[in-house]
Amino acid sequence: MERDSQLELYGLVADRLKEAHTRVRMLPVTEDERMALSRKLLVITAATKHDLAGAARRLERFMAELDERRFPDAGSP
């Protein structure tokens, strides 16, 4: 049963990551801002291998930042 919920969470996170990448590509931002956002997504993606639940929380915060149009400075990782 736990394995099923883990697989379900992987599926949800994968779908959400795909959505996040699409949204970042479509944003009217500078290339530096887009690269900074993409780096954040890559870090979240890598985190799914070690801490799926934590990565899911980070992804939700990232998506909320996109919704609120709060983007990182181009110079920050």
C-alpha atoms as a PDB file:
ATOM      1  CA  MET A   1       0.000   0.000   0.000  1.00  0.00           C
ATOM      2  CA  GLU A   2       2.797   2.431   0.890  1.00  0.00           C
ATOM      3  CA  ARG A   3       4.517   1.633  -2.390  1.00  0.00           C
ATOM      4  CA  ASP A   4       1.353   2.591  -4.277  1.00  0.00           C
ATOM      5  CA  SER A   5       1.201   5.968  -2.567  1.00  0.00           C
ATOM      6  CA  GLN A   6       4.902   6.509  -3.289  1.00  0.00           C
ATOM      7  CA  LEU A   7       4.344   5.755  -6.980  1.00  0.00           C
ATOM      8  CA  GLU A   8       1.338   8.059  -7.019  1.00  0.00           C
ATOM      9  CA  LEU A   9       3.420  10.865  -5.491  1.00  0.00           C
ATOM     10  CA  TYR A  10       6.158  10.289  -8.107  1.00  0.00           C
ATOM     11  CA  GLY A  11       3.523  10.640 -10.819  1.00  0.00           C
ATOM     12  CA  LEU A  12       2.121  13.830  -9.336  1.00  0.00           C
ATOM     13  CA  VAL A  13       5.561  15.377  -8.905  1.00  0.00           C
ATOM     14  CA  ALA A  14       6.552  14.394 -12.456  1.00  0.00           C
ATOM     15  CA  ASP A  15       3.419  16.009 -13.868  1.00  0.00           C
ATOM     16  CA  ARG A  16       3.976  19.131 -11.784  1.00  0.00           C
ATOM     17  CA  LEU A  17       7.629  19.369 -12.865  1.00  0.00           C
ATOM     18  CA  LYS A  18       6.570  19.140 -16.488  1.00  0.00           C
ATOM     19  CA  GLU A  19       4.031  21.907 -15.926  1.00  0.00           C
ATOM     20  CA  ALA A  20       6.638  24.062 -14.143  1.00  0.00           C
ATOM     21  CA  HIS A  21       9.140  23.686 -16.991  1.00  0.00           C
ATOM     22  CA  THR A  22       6.468  24.657 -19.519  1.00  0.00           C
ATOM     23  CA  ARG A  23       5.486  27.704 -17.498  1.00  0.00           C
ATOM     24  CA  VAL A  24       9.105  28.842 -17.143  1.00  0.00           C
ATOM     25  CA  ARG A  25       9.621  28.537 -20.905  1.00  0.00           C
ATOM     26  CA  MET A  26       6.552  30.719 -21.531  1.00  0.00           C
ATOM     27  CA  LEU A  27       7.377  33.499 -19.046  1.00  0.00           C
ATOM     28  CA  PRO A  28       8.132  36.963 -20.420  1.00  0.00           C
ATOM     29  CA  VAL A  29      11.438  37.276 -18.539  1.00  0.00           C
ATOM     30  CA  THR A  30      15.055  37.861 -19.464  1.00  0.00           C
ATOM     31  CA  GLU A  31      17.199  34.913 -20.444  1.00  0.00           C
ATOM     32  CA  ASP A  32      19.173  35.275 -17.195  1.00  0.00           C
ATOM     33  CA  GLU A  33      15.953  35.073 -15.158  1.00  0.00           C
ATOM     34  CA  ARG A  34      14.806  32.049 -17.161  1.00  0.00           C
ATOM     35  CA  MET A  35      18.135  30.320 -16.547  1.00  0.00           C
ATOM     36  CA  ALA A  36      17.890  31.015 -12.801  1.00  0.00           C
ATOM     37  CA  LEU A  37      14.371  29.560 -12.697  1.00  0.00           C
ATOM     38  CA  SER A  38      15.493  26.533 -14.715  1.00  0.00           C
ATOM     39  CA  ARG A  39      18.365  25.931 -12.290  1.00  0.00           C
ATOM     40  CA  LYS A  40      15.910  25.930  -9.393  1.00  0.00           C
ATOM     41  CA  LEU A  41      13.817  23.340 -11.217  1.00  0.00           C
ATOM     42  CA  LEU A  42      16.875  21.181 -11.855  1.00  0.00           C
ATOM     43  CA  VAL A  43      17.724  21.254  -8.150  1.00  0.00           C
ATOM     44  CA  ILE A  44      14.166  20.239  -7.273  1.00  0.00           C
ATOM     45  CA  THR A  45      14.276  17.482  -9.891  1.00  0.00           C
ATOM     46  CA  ALA A  46      17.522  16.121  -8.454  1.00  0.00           C
ATOM     47  CA  ALA A  47      16.050  16.226  -4.941  1.00  0.00           C
ATOM     48  CA  THR A  48      13.265  13.842  -5.957  1.00  0.00           C
ATOM     49  CA  LYS A  49      15.819  11.019  -6.025  1.00  0.00           C
ATOM     50  CA  HIS A  50      16.647  11.445  -2.336  1.00  0.00           C
ATOM     51  CA  ASP A  51      13.639  13.128  -0.718  1.00  0.00           C
ATOM     52  CA  LEU A  52      10.479  12.888  -2.761  1.00  0.00           C
ATOM     53  CA  ALA A  53       8.199  14.478  -0.175  1.00  0.00           C
ATOM     54  CA  GLY A  54      10.630  17.347   0.409  1.00  0.00           C
ATOM     55  CA  ALA A  55      11.003  17.901  -3.321  1.00  0.00           C
ATOM     56  CA  ALA A  56       7.222  17.972  -3.684  1.00  0.00           C
ATOM     57  CA  ARG A  57       7.028  20.707  -1.020  1.00  0.00           C
ATOM     58  CA  ARG A  58       9.795  22.707  -2.706  1.00  0.00           C
ATOM     59  CA  LEU A  59       8.056  22.362  -6.039  1.00  0.00           C
ATOM     60  CA  GLU A  60       4.784  23.650  -4.592  1.00  0.00           C
ATOM     61  CA  ARG A  61       6.613  26.678  -3.145  1.00  0.00           C
ATOM     62  CA  PHE A  62       8.254  27.254  -6.535  1.00  0.00           C
ATOM     63  CA  MET A  63       4.887  27.107  -8.302  1.00  0.00           C
ATOM     64  CA  ALA A  64       3.429  29.553  -5.759  1.00  0.00           C
ATOM     65  CA  GLU A  65       6.317  31.933  -6.496  1.00  0.00           C
ATOM     66  CA  LEU A  66       5.506  31.681 -10.191  1.00  0.00           C
ATOM     67  CA  ASP A  67       1.837  32.379  -9.464  1.00  0.00           C
ATOM     68  CA  GLU A  68       2.815  35.430  -7.437  1.00  0.00           C
ATOM     69  CA  ARG A  69       5.336  36.495 -10.122  1.00  0.00           C
ATOM     70  CA  ARG A  70       8.196  36.425  -7.601  1.00  0.00           C
ATOM     71  CA  PHE A  71      11.302  35.473  -9.531  1.00  0.00           C
ATOM     72  CA  PRO A  72      14.880  35.140  -8.310  1.00  0.00           C
ATOM     73  CA  ASP A  73      17.469  37.725  -9.202  1.00  0.00           C
ATOM     74  CA  ALA A  74      19.424  36.708 -12.275  1.00  0.00           C
ATOM     75  CA  GLY A  75      22.620  36.642 -10.222  1.00  0.00           C
ATOM     76  CA  SER A  76      21.359  34.319  -7.479  1.00  0.00           C
ATOM     77  CA  PRO A  77      21.280  30.511  -7.764  1.00  0.00           C
END
